[in-house]
Amino acid sequence: MQTLKRNWVRMMTTLSETDLIKFKKWLKSHLRMGPVTVTFTKKDGTERVMKCTTDATLIMFKDPTILESKGSTRKVNEDIIPVYDLESSAWKSFRWDSIKQVSFTL
């Protein structure tokens, strides 16, 4: 197994809009495949390291219909990404522009 890490601080501030879209797709795809460790800066300025995923097989749903978002009238905030925190067993989120590092194991 190999662990890949990448420091995104400088990259995130210099990405073009096209590259940012690619990065978001890339990270979302890895989150769907399994655990990803994301280091980011919280709103209060502290750094947080979170092992998270959006892989339905790893999420402990109390209500299996939670995955179904069809017909939702809730506005989607494109600045944040909702993820399932595997250590606290709860849904959390972070801002795209606060990501400092991403790592996962192949």
PDB file of N, CA and C in Angstrom:
ATOM      1  N   MET A   1       0.833  -1.190   0.000  1.00  0.00           N
ATOM      2  CA  MET A   1       0.000   0.000   0.000  1.00  0.00           C
ATOM      3  C   MET A   1       0.872   1.246   0.000  1.00  0.00           C
ATOM      4  N   GLN A   2       0.387   2.253  -0.635  1.00  0.00           N
ATOM      5  CA  GLN A   2       1.131   3.495  -0.730  1.00  0.00           C
ATOM      6  C   GLN A   2       0.235   4.639  -0.291  1.00  0.00           C
ATOM      7  N   THR A   3       0.767   5.512   0.550  1.00  0.00           N
ATOM      8  CA  THR A   3       0.022   6.681   0.985  1.00  0.00           C
ATOM      9  C   THR A   3       0.497   7.879   0.179  1.00  0.00           C
ATOM     10  N   LEU A   4      -0.453   8.579  -0.419  1.00  0.00           N
ATOM     11  CA  LEU A   4      -0.128   9.778  -1.194  1.00  0.00           C
ATOM     12  C   LEU A   4      -0.532  11.006  -0.405  1.00  0.00           C
ATOM     13  N   LYS A   5       0.354  11.978  -0.332  1.00  0.00           N
ATOM     14  CA  LYS A   5       0.049  13.238   0.334  1.00  0.00           C
ATOM     15  C   LYS A   5       0.368  14.371  -0.618  1.00  0.00           C
ATOM     16  N   ARG A   6      -0.388  15.410  -0.501  1.00  0.00           N
ATOM     17  CA  ARG A   6      -0.143  16.572  -1.351  1.00  0.00           C
ATOM     18  C   ARG A   6      -0.474  17.818  -0.561  1.00  0.00           C
ATOM     19  N   ASN A   7       0.389  18.787  -0.566  1.00  0.00           N
ATOM     20  CA  ASN A   7       0.143  20.041   0.113  1.00  0.00           C
ATOM     21  C   ASN A   7      -0.530  20.989  -0.871  1.00  0.00           C
ATOM     22  N   TRP A   8      -1.746  21.413  -0.550  1.00  0.00           N
ATOM     23  CA  TRP A   8      -2.572  22.174  -1.483  1.00  0.00           C
ATOM     24  C   TRP A   8      -2.599  23.675  -1.220  1.00  0.00           C
ATOM     25  N   VAL A   9      -1.972  24.136  -0.119  1.00  0.00           N
ATOM     26  CA  VAL A   9      -2.120  25.541   0.256  1.00  0.00           C
ATOM     27  C   VAL A   9      -1.784  26.485  -0.888  1.00  0.00           C
ATOM     28  N   ARG A  10      -0.612  26.361  -1.453  1.00  0.00           N
ATOM     29  CA  ARG A  10      -0.203  27.249  -2.540  1.00  0.00           C
ATOM     30  C   ARG A  10      -1.028  26.978  -3.795  1.00  0.00           C
ATOM     31  N   MET A  11      -1.267  25.692  -4.074  1.00  0.00           N
ATOM     32  CA  MET A  11      -2.012  25.342  -5.283  1.00  0.00           C
ATOM     33  C   MET A  11      -3.425  25.906  -5.282  1.00  0.00           C
ATOM     34  N   MET A  12      -4.120  25.817  -4.140  1.00  0.00           N
ATOM     35  CA  MET A  12      -5.510  26.247  -4.089  1.00  0.00           C
ATOM     36  C   MET A  12      -5.657  27.732  -4.391  1.00  0.00           C
ATOM     37  N   THR A  13      -4.660  28.526  -4.037  1.00  0.00           N
ATOM     38  CA  THR A  13      -4.764  29.971  -4.273  1.00  0.00           C
ATOM     39  C   THR A  13      -4.402  30.350  -5.701  1.00  0.00           C
ATOM     40  N   THR A  14      -3.737  29.437  -6.434  1.00  0.00           N
ATOM     41  CA  THR A  14      -3.300  29.778  -7.777  1.00  0.00           C
ATOM     42  C   THR A  14      -4.017  28.977  -8.866  1.00  0.00           C
ATOM     43  N   LEU A  15      -4.937  28.115  -8.480  1.00  0.00           N
ATOM     44  CA  LEU A  15      -5.645  27.304  -9.473  1.00  0.00           C
ATOM     45  C   LEU A  15      -6.561  28.162 -10.333  1.00  0.00           C
ATOM     46  N   SER A  16      -6.596  27.844 -11.604  1.00  0.00           N
ATOM     47  CA  SER A  16      -7.567  28.494 -12.482  1.00  0.00           C
ATOM     48  C   SER A  16      -8.938  27.899 -12.169  1.00  0.00           C
ATOM     49  N   GLU A  17      -9.972  28.516 -12.650  1.00  0.00           N
ATOM     50  CA  GLU A  17     -11.333  28.013 -12.416  1.00  0.00           C
ATOM     51  C   GLU A  17     -11.481  26.596 -12.967  1.00  0.00           C
ATOM     52  N   THR A  18     -10.903  26.333 -14.129  1.00  0.00           N
ATOM     53  CA  THR A  18     -10.960  25.004 -14.742  1.00  0.00           C
ATOM     54  C   THR A  18     -10.237  23.977 -13.885  1.00  0.00           C
ATOM     55  N   ASP A  19      -9.051  24.332 -13.383  1.00  0.00           N
ATOM     56  CA  ASP A  19      -8.292  23.417 -12.535  1.00  0.00           C
ATOM     57  C   ASP A  19      -8.980  23.180 -11.198  1.00  0.00           C
ATOM     58  N   LEU A  20      -9.635  24.203 -10.661  1.00  0.00           N
ATOM     59  CA  LEU A  20     -10.368  24.052  -9.410  1.00  0.00           C
ATOM     60  C   LEU A  20     -11.523  23.064  -9.594  1.00  0.00           C
ATOM     61  N   ILE A  21     -12.205  23.148 -10.709  1.00  0.00           N
ATOM     62  CA  ILE A  21     -13.289  22.208 -11.005  1.00  0.00           C
ATOM     63  C   ILE A  21     -12.740  20.787 -11.092  1.00  0.00           C
ATOM     64  N   LYS A  22     -11.583  20.639 -11.749  1.00  0.00           N
ATOM     65  CA  LYS A  22     -10.943  19.315 -11.850  1.00  0.00           C
ATOM     66  C   LYS A  22     -10.543  18.793 -10.469  1.00  0.00           C
ATOM     67  N   PHE A  23      -9.978  19.664  -9.637  1.00  0.00           N
ATOM     68  CA  PHE A  23      -9.581  19.260  -8.291  1.00  0.00           C
ATOM     69  C   PHE A  23     -10.788  18.795  -7.485  1.00  0.00           C
ATOM     70  N   LYS A  24     -11.890  19.542  -7.563  1.00  0.00           N
ATOM     71  CA  LYS A  24     -13.094  19.162  -6.831  1.00  0.00           C
ATOM     72  C   LYS A  24     -13.600  17.794  -7.282  1.00  0.00           C
ATOM     73  N   LYS A  25     -13.627  17.565  -8.583  1.00  0.00           N
ATOM     74  CA  LYS A  25     -14.055  16.256  -9.102  1.00  0.00           C
ATOM     75  C   LYS A  25     -13.120  15.159  -8.620  1.00  0.00           C
ATOM     76  N   TRP A  26     -11.813  15.442  -8.654  1.00  0.00           N
ATOM     77  CA  TRP A  26     -10.807  14.478  -8.230  1.00  0.00           C
ATOM     78  C   TRP A  26     -11.005  14.089  -6.762  1.00  0.00           C
ATOM     79  N   LEU A  27     -11.143  15.095  -5.886  1.00  0.00           N
ATOM     80  CA  LEU A  27     -11.299  14.820  -4.460  1.00  0.00           C
ATOM     81  C   LEU A  27     -12.617  14.099  -4.185  1.00  0.00           C
ATOM     82  N   LYS A  28     -13.691  14.530  -4.823  1.00  0.00           N
ATOM     83  CA  LYS A  28     -14.981  13.861  -4.635  1.00  0.00           C
ATOM     84  C   LYS A  28     -14.907  12.393  -5.045  1.00  0.00           C
ATOM     85  N   SER A  29     -14.186  12.105  -6.124  1.00  0.00           N
ATOM     86  CA  SER A  29     -14.074  10.715  -6.573  1.00  0.00           C
ATOM     87  C   SER A  29     -13.315   9.872  -5.557  1.00  0.00           C
ATOM     88  N   HIS A  30     -12.274  10.423  -4.962  1.00  0.00           N
ATOM     89  CA  HIS A  30     -11.523   9.686  -3.943  1.00  0.00           C
ATOM     90  C   HIS A  30     -12.351   9.499  -2.672  1.00  0.00           C
ATOM     91  N   LEU A  31     -13.134  10.488  -2.311  1.00  0.00           N
ATOM     92  CA  LEU A  31     -14.003  10.368  -1.139  1.00  0.00           C
ATOM     93  C   LEU A  31     -15.051   9.273  -1.346  1.00  0.00           C
ATOM     94  N   ARG A  32     -15.534   9.115  -2.573  1.00  0.00           N
ATOM     95  CA  ARG A  32     -16.523   8.065  -2.864  1.00  0.00           C
ATOM     96  C   ARG A  32     -15.911   6.667  -2.802  1.00  0.00           C
ATOM     97  N   MET A  33     -14.589   6.562  -2.990  1.00  0.00           N
ATOM     98  CA  MET A  33     -13.916   5.264  -3.015  1.00  0.00           C
ATOM     99  C   MET A  33     -13.491   4.780  -1.630  1.00  0.00           C
ATOM    100  N   GLY A  34     -13.404   5.659  -0.660  1.00  0.00           N
ATOM    101  CA  GLY A  34     -12.976   5.242   0.669  1.00  0.00           C
ATOM    102  C   GLY A  34     -12.447   6.392   1.495  1.00  0.00           C
ATOM    103  N   PRO A  35     -11.763   6.058   2.585  1.00  0.00           N
ATOM    104  CA  PRO A  35     -11.279   7.090   3.502  1.00  0.00           C
ATOM    105  C   PRO A  35     -10.220   8.003   2.881  1.00  0.00           C
ATOM    106  N   VAL A  36     -10.351   9.287   3.161  1.00  0.00           N
ATOM    107  CA  VAL A  36      -9.391  10.311   2.761  1.00  0.00           C
ATOM    108  C   VAL A  36      -9.121  11.150   4.007  1.00  0.00           C
ATOM    109  N   THR A  37      -7.863  11.458   4.251  1.00  0.00           N
ATOM    110  CA  THR A  37      -7.525  12.327   5.367  1.00  0.00           C
ATOM    111  C   THR A  37      -7.307  13.730   4.811  1.00  0.00           C
ATOM    112  N   VAL A  38      -8.096  14.661   5.324  1.00  0.00           N
ATOM    113  CA  VAL A  38      -8.036  16.045   4.848  1.00  0.00           C
ATOM    114  C   VAL A  38      -7.618  16.941   6.008  1.00  0.00           C
ATOM    115  N   THR A  39      -6.612  17.746   5.775  1.00  0.00           N
ATOM    116  CA  THR A  39      -6.188  18.758   6.745  1.00  0.00           C
ATOM    117  C   THR A  39      -6.677  20.092   6.218  1.00  0.00           C
ATOM    118  N   PHE A  40      -7.370  20.833   7.068  1.00  0.00           N
ATOM    119  CA  PHE A  40      -7.923  22.119   6.636  1.00  0.00           C
ATOM    120  C   PHE A  40      -7.928  23.091   7.803  1.00  0.00           C
ATOM    121  N   THR A  41      -8.144  24.356   7.500  1.00  0.00           N
ATOM    122  CA  THR A  41      -8.234  25.395   8.516  1.00  0.00           C
ATOM    123  C   THR A  41      -9.702  25.647   8.819  1.00  0.00           C
ATOM    124  N   LYS A  42     -10.058  25.517  10.100  1.00  0.00           N
ATOM    125  CA  LYS A  42     -11.440  25.763  10.511  1.00  0.00           C
ATOM    126  C   LYS A  42     -11.732  27.258  10.509  1.00  0.00           C
ATOM    127  N   LYS A  43     -13.013  27.593  10.617  1.00  0.00           N
ATOM    128  CA  LYS A  43     -13.427  28.999  10.624  1.00  0.00           C
ATOM    129  C   LYS A  43     -12.738  29.809  11.711  1.00  0.00           C
ATOM    130  N   ASP A  44     -12.479  29.152  12.869  1.00  0.00           N
ATOM    131  CA  ASP A  44     -11.855  29.863  13.989  1.00  0.00           C
ATOM    132  C   ASP A  44     -10.340  29.980  13.848  1.00  0.00           C
ATOM    133  N   GLY A  45      -9.785  29.471  12.717  1.00  0.00           N
ATOM    134  CA  GLY A  45      -8.365  29.595  12.452  1.00  0.00           C
ATOM    135  C   GLY A  45      -7.523  28.405  12.888  1.00  0.00           C
ATOM    136  N   THR A  46      -8.122  27.459  13.600  1.00  0.00           N
ATOM    137  CA  THR A  46      -7.371  26.282  14.025  1.00  0.00           C
ATOM    138  C   THR A  46      -7.314  25.261  12.902  1.00  0.00           C
ATOM    139  N   GLU A  47      -6.277  24.436  12.966  1.00  0.00           N
ATOM    140  CA  GLU A  47      -6.106  23.402  11.952  1.00  0.00           C
ATOM    141  C   GLU A  47      -6.812  22.128  12.406  1.00  0.00           C
ATOM    142  N   ARG A  48      -7.444  21.450  11.471  1.00  0.00           N
ATOM    143  CA  ARG A  48      -8.169  20.211  11.779  1.00  0.00           C
ATOM    144  C   ARG A  48      -7.748  19.144  10.790  1.00  0.00           C
ATOM    145  N   VAL A  49      -7.538  17.934  11.289  1.00  0.00           N
ATOM    146  CA  VAL A  49      -7.245  16.780  10.455  1.00  0.00           C
ATOM    147  C   VAL A  49      -8.427  15.841  10.597  1.00  0.00           C
ATOM    148  N   MET A  50      -9.055  15.494   9.475  1.00  0.00           N
ATOM    149  CA  MET A  50     -10.260  14.670   9.518  1.00  0.00           C
ATOM    150  C   MET A  50     -10.135  13.504   8.546  1.00  0.00           C
ATOM    151  N   LYS A  51     -10.395  12.301   9.060  1.00  0.00           N
ATOM    152  CA  LYS A  51     -10.482  11.117   8.213  1.00  0.00           C
ATOM    153  C   LYS A  51     -11.946  11.015   7.811  1.00  0.00           C
ATOM    154  N   CYS A  52     -12.212  11.159   6.505  1.00  0.00           N
ATOM    155  CA  CYS A  52     -13.593  11.277   6.069  1.00  0.00           C
ATOM    156  C   CYS A  52     -13.836  10.526   4.767  1.00  0.00           C
ATOM    157  N   THR A  53     -15.115  10.426   4.390  1.00  0.00           N
ATOM    158  CA  THR A  53     -15.497   9.727   3.179  1.00  0.00           C
ATOM    159  C   THR A  53     -16.908  10.145   2.766  1.00  0.00           C
ATOM    160  N   THR A  54     -17.285   9.741   1.560  1.00  0.00           N
ATOM    161  CA  THR A  54     -18.685   9.779   1.137  1.00  0.00           C
ATOM    162  C   THR A  54     -19.078   8.398   0.614  1.00  0.00           C
ATOM    163  N   ASP A  55     -18.225   7.396   0.866  1.00  0.00           N
ATOM    164  CA  ASP A  55     -18.474   6.012   0.467  1.00  0.00           C
ATOM    165  C   ASP A  55     -19.616   5.456   1.316  1.00  0.00           C
ATOM    166  N   ALA A  56     -20.747   5.184   0.691  1.00  0.00           N
ATOM    167  CA  ALA A  56     -21.946   4.735   1.410  1.00  0.00           C
ATOM    168  C   ALA A  56     -21.723   3.451   2.198  1.00  0.00           C
ATOM    169  N   THR A  57     -20.788   2.621   1.768  1.00  0.00           N
ATOM    170  CA  THR A  57     -20.545   1.363   2.488  1.00  0.00           C
ATOM    171  C   THR A  57     -19.825   1.595   3.819  1.00  0.00           C
ATOM    172  N   LEU A  58     -19.238   2.766   4.012  1.00  0.00           N
ATOM    173  CA  LEU A  58     -18.522   3.069   5.253  1.00  0.00           C
ATOM    174  C   LEU A  58     -19.305   3.986   6.196  1.00  0.00           C
ATOM    175  N   ILE A  59     -20.435   4.471   5.732  1.00  0.00           N
ATOM    176  CA  ILE A  59     -21.209   5.430   6.519  1.00  0.00           C
ATOM    177  C   ILE A  59     -22.276   4.703   7.328  1.00  0.00           C
ATOM    178  N   MET A  60     -22.338   5.037   8.619  1.00  0.00           N
ATOM    179  CA  MET A  60     -23.323   4.431   9.511  1.00  0.00           C
ATOM    180  C   MET A  60     -24.606   5.259   9.470  1.00  0.00           C
ATOM    181  N   PHE A  61     -25.511   4.885   8.581  1.00  0.00           N
ATOM    182  CA  PHE A  61     -26.764   5.623   8.446  1.00  0.00           C
ATOM    183  C   PHE A  61     -27.789   5.141   9.459  1.00  0.00           C
ATOM    184  N   LYS A  62     -28.413   6.077  10.118  1.00  0.00           N
ATOM    185  CA  LYS A  62     -29.553   5.726  10.956  1.00  0.00           C
ATOM    186  C   LYS A  62     -30.775   5.590  10.067  1.00  0.00           C
ATOM    187  N   ASP A  63     -30.793   6.361   9.005  1.00  0.00           N
ATOM    188  CA  ASP A  63     -31.899   6.350   8.059  1.00  0.00           C
ATOM    189  C   ASP A  63     -31.311   6.182   6.661  1.00  0.00           C
ATOM    190  N   PRO A  64     -31.494   5.017   6.032  1.00  0.00           N
ATOM    191  CA  PRO A  64     -30.882   4.787   4.723  1.00  0.00           C
ATOM    192  C   PRO A  64     -31.375   5.722   3.625  1.00  0.00           C
ATOM    193  N   THR A  65     -32.478   6.417   3.836  1.00  0.00           N
ATOM    194  CA  THR A  65     -32.979   7.343   2.813  1.00  0.00           C
ATOM    195  C   THR A  65     -32.186   8.642   2.794  1.00  0.00           C
ATOM    196  N   ILE A  66     -31.232   8.801   3.723  1.00  0.00           N
ATOM    197  CA  ILE A  66     -30.456  10.037   3.766  1.00  0.00           C
ATOM    198  C   ILE A  66     -29.645  10.251   2.495  1.00  0.00           C
ATOM    199  N   LEU A  67     -29.318   9.162   1.808  1.00  0.00           N
ATOM    200  CA  LEU A  67     -28.580   9.291   0.556  1.00  0.00           C
ATOM    201  C   LEU A  67     -29.428   9.879  -0.560  1.00  0.00           C
ATOM    202  N   GLU A  68     -30.723   9.760  -0.452  1.00  0.00           N
ATOM    203  CA  GLU A  68     -31.610  10.246  -1.499  1.00  0.00           C
ATOM    204  C   GLU A  68     -31.865  11.731  -1.308  1.00  0.00           C
ATOM    205  N   SER A  69     -31.310  12.522  -2.186  1.00  0.00           N
ATOM    206  CA  SER A  69     -31.497  13.965  -2.074  1.00  0.00           C
ATOM    207  C   SER A  69     -32.395  14.505  -3.182  1.00  0.00           C
ATOM    208  N   LYS A  70     -33.028  13.600  -3.914  1.00  0.00           N
ATOM    209  CA  LYS A  70     -33.901  14.027  -5.003  1.00  0.00           C
ATOM    210  C   LYS A  70     -35.098  14.790  -4.440  1.00  0.00           C
ATOM    211  N   GLY A  71     -35.447  15.862  -5.091  1.00  0.00           N
ATOM    212  CA  GLY A  71     -36.604  16.639  -4.674  1.00  0.00           C
ATOM    213  C   GLY A  71     -36.311  17.582  -3.520  1.00  0.00           C
ATOM    214  N   SER A  72     -35.067  17.676  -3.106  1.00  0.00           N
ATOM    215  CA  SER A  72     -34.706  18.554  -2.002  1.00  0.00           C
ATOM    216  C   SER A  72     -34.800  20.005  -2.451  1.00  0.00           C
ATOM    217  N   THR A  73     -35.341  20.854  -1.587  1.00  0.00           N
ATOM    218  CA  THR A  73     -35.427  22.278  -1.896  1.00  0.00           C
ATOM    219  C   THR A  73     -34.327  23.055  -1.199  1.00  0.00           C
ATOM    220  N   ARG A  74     -33.451  22.348  -0.510  1.00  0.00           N
ATOM    221  CA  ARG A  74     -32.348  22.980   0.202  1.00  0.00           C
ATOM    222  C   ARG A  74     -31.318  23.500  -0.798  1.00  0.00           C
ATOM    223  N   LYS A  75     -30.857  24.727  -0.585  1.00  0.00           N
ATOM    224  CA  LYS A  75     -29.874  25.335  -1.469  1.00  0.00           C
ATOM    225  C   LYS A  75     -28.500  24.716  -1.218  1.00  0.00           C
ATOM    226  N   VAL A  76     -27.805  24.369  -2.293  1.00  0.00           N
ATOM    227  CA  VAL A  76     -26.477  23.765  -2.195  1.00  0.00           C
ATOM    228  C   VAL A  76     -25.432  24.871  -2.134  1.00  0.00           C
ATOM    229  N   ASN A  77     -24.560  24.807  -1.134  1.00  0.00           N
ATOM    230  CA  ASN A  77     -23.465  25.770  -1.009  1.00  0.00           C
ATOM    231  C   ASN A  77     -22.248  25.177  -1.704  1.00  0.00           C
ATOM    232  N   GLU A  78     -21.862  25.729  -2.825  1.00  0.00           N
ATOM    233  CA  GLU A  78     -20.748  25.212  -3.627  1.00  0.00           C
ATOM    234  C   GLU A  78     -19.378  25.480  -2.992  1.00  0.00           C
ATOM    235  N   ASP A  79     -19.349  26.306  -1.936  1.00  0.00           N
ATOM    236  CA  ASP A  79     -18.083  26.637  -1.284  1.00  0.00           C
ATOM    237  C   ASP A  79     -17.642  25.585  -0.273  1.00  0.00           C
ATOM    238  N   ILE A  80     -18.555  24.687   0.104  1.00  0.00           N
ATOM    239  CA  ILE A  80     -18.232  23.664   1.089  1.00  0.00           C
ATOM    240  C   ILE A  80     -18.495  22.270   0.537  1.00  0.00           C
ATOM    241  N   ILE A  81     -17.886  21.284   1.187  1.00  0.00           N
ATOM    242  CA  ILE A  81     -18.121  19.897   0.808  1.00  0.00           C
ATOM    243  C   ILE A  81     -18.546  19.122   2.060  1.00  0.00           C
ATOM    244  N   PRO A  82     -19.719  18.507   2.017  1.00  0.00           N
ATOM    245  CA  PRO A  82     -20.147  17.670   3.146  1.00  0.00           C
ATOM    246  C   PRO A  82     -19.484  16.297   3.052  1.00  0.00           C
ATOM    247  N   VAL A  83     -18.980  15.823   4.180  1.00  0.00           N
ATOM    248  CA  VAL A  83     -18.319  14.523   4.251  1.00  0.00           C
ATOM    249  C   VAL A  83     -18.724  13.837   5.546  1.00  0.00           C
ATOM    250  N   TYR A  84     -18.518  12.547   5.592  1.00  0.00           N
ATOM    251  CA  TYR A  84     -18.803  11.789   6.808  1.00  0.00           C
ATOM    252  C   TYR A  84     -17.492  11.604   7.557  1.00  0.00           C
ATOM    253  N   ASP A  85     -17.424  12.122   8.783  1.00  0.00           N
ATOM    254  CA  ASP A  85     -16.241  12.006   9.630  1.00  0.00           C
ATOM    255  C   ASP A  85     -16.239  10.605  10.228  1.00  0.00           C
ATOM    256  N   LEU A  86     -15.268   9.793   9.839  1.00  0.00           N
ATOM    257  CA  LEU A  86     -15.222   8.394  10.267  1.00  0.00           C
ATOM    258  C   LEU A  86     -14.842   8.235  11.735  1.00  0.00           C
ATOM    259  N   GLU A  87     -14.208   9.221  12.332  1.00  0.00           N
ATOM    260  CA  GLU A  87     -13.818   9.120  13.733  1.00  0.00           C
ATOM    261  C   GLU A  87     -14.932   9.549  14.682  1.00  0.00           C
ATOM    262  N   SER A  88     -15.737  10.525  14.295  1.00  0.00           N
ATOM    263  CA  SER A  88     -16.834  10.965  15.161  1.00  0.00           C
ATOM    264  C   SER A  88     -18.176  10.388  14.717  1.00  0.00           C
ATOM    265  N   SER A  89     -18.176   9.646  13.608  1.00  0.00           N
ATOM    266  CA  SER A  89     -19.404   9.042  13.058  1.00  0.00           C
ATOM    267  C   SER A  89     -20.508  10.079  12.888  1.00  0.00           C
ATOM    268  N   ALA A  90     -20.157  11.171  12.237  1.00  0.00           N
ATOM    269  CA  ALA A  90     -21.117  12.254  12.033  1.00  0.00           C
ATOM    270  C   ALA A  90     -20.787  12.989  10.736  1.00  0.00           C
ATOM    271  N   TRP A  91     -21.808  13.618  10.158  1.00  0.00           N
ATOM    272  CA  TRP A  91     -21.606  14.433   8.966  1.00  0.00           C
ATOM    273  C   TRP A  91     -20.968  15.746   9.370  1.00  0.00           C
ATOM    274  N   LYS A  92     -19.942  16.145   8.641  1.00  0.00           N
ATOM    275  CA  LYS A  92     -19.224  17.410   8.843  1.00  0.00           C
ATOM    276  C   LYS A  92     -19.027  18.046   7.474  1.00  0.00           C
ATOM    277  N   SER A  93     -18.421  19.209   7.456  1.00  0.00           N
ATOM    278  CA  SER A  93     -18.109  19.848   6.176  1.00  0.00           C
ATOM    279  C   SER A  93     -16.897  20.754   6.353  1.00  0.00           C
ATOM    280  N   PHE A  94     -16.289  21.104   5.241  1.00  0.00           N
ATOM    281  CA  PHE A  94     -15.196  22.062   5.251  1.00  0.00           C
ATOM    282  C   PHE A  94     -15.246  22.840   3.956  1.00  0.00           C
ATOM    283  N   ARG A  95     -14.602  23.997   3.967  1.00  0.00           N
ATOM    284  CA  ARG A  95     -14.575  24.859   2.797  1.00  0.00           C
ATOM    285  C   ARG A  95     -13.480  24.391   1.843  1.00  0.00           C
ATOM    286  N   TRP A  96     -13.768  24.437   0.562  1.00  0.00           N
ATOM    287  CA  TRP A  96     -12.781  24.058  -0.450  1.00  0.00           C
ATOM    288  C   TRP A  96     -11.507  24.875  -0.303  1.00  0.00           C
ATOM    289  N   ASP A  97     -11.666  26.188  -0.049  1.00  0.00           N
ATOM    290  CA  ASP A  97     -10.492  27.066   0.006  1.00  0.00           C
ATOM    291  C   ASP A  97      -9.711  26.962   1.309  1.00  0.00           C
ATOM    292  N   SER A  98     -10.150  26.098   2.233  1.00  0.00           N
ATOM    293  CA  SER A  98      -9.432  25.935   3.498  1.00  0.00           C
ATOM    294  C   SER A  98      -8.562  24.686   3.528  1.00  0.00           C
ATOM    295  N   ILE A  99      -8.582  23.902   2.443  1.00  0.00           N
ATOM    296  CA  ILE A  99      -7.826  22.655   2.394  1.00  0.00           C
ATOM    297  C   ILE A  99      -6.337  22.945   2.362  1.00  0.00           C
ATOM    298  N   LYS A 100      -5.607  22.263   3.257  1.00  0.00           N
ATOM    299  CA  LYS A 100      -4.156  22.409   3.305  1.00  0.00           C
ATOM    300  C   LYS A 100      -3.450  21.161   2.795  1.00  0.00           C
ATOM    301  N   GLN A 101      -4.048  19.995   3.062  1.00  0.00           N
ATOM    302  CA  GLN A 101      -3.404  18.745   2.652  1.00  0.00           C
ATOM    303  C   GLN A 101      -4.456  17.662   2.488  1.00  0.00           C
ATOM    304  N   VAL A 102      -4.205  16.790   1.532  1.00  0.00           N
ATOM    305  CA  VAL A 102      -5.077  15.645   1.262  1.00  0.00           C
ATOM    306  C   VAL A 102      -4.188  14.416   1.206  1.00  0.00           C
ATOM    307  N   SER A 103      -4.593  13.336   1.889  1.00  0.00           N
ATOM    308  CA  SER A 103      -3.833  12.098   1.784  1.00  0.00           C
ATOM    309  C   SER A 103      -4.786  10.919   1.809  1.00  0.00           C
ATOM    310  N   PHE A 104      -4.386   9.850   1.156  1.00  0.00           N
ATOM    311  CA  PHE A 104      -5.171   8.624   1.111  1.00  0.00           C
ATOM    312  C   PHE A 104      -4.241   7.482   0.797  1.00  0.00           C
ATOM    313  N   THR A 105      -4.702   6.265   1.043  1.00  0.00           N
ATOM    314  CA  THR A 105      -3.897   5.087   0.800  1.00  0.00           C
ATOM    315  C   THR A 105      -4.430   4.353  -0.422  1.00  0.00           C
ATOM    316  N   LEU A 106      -3.514   3.995  -1.306  1.00  0.00           N
ATOM    317  CA  LEU A 106      -3.885   3.233  -2.495  1.00  0.00           C
ATOM    318  C   LEU A 106      -3.833   1.752  -2.190  1.00  0.00           C
TER     319      LEU A 106
END
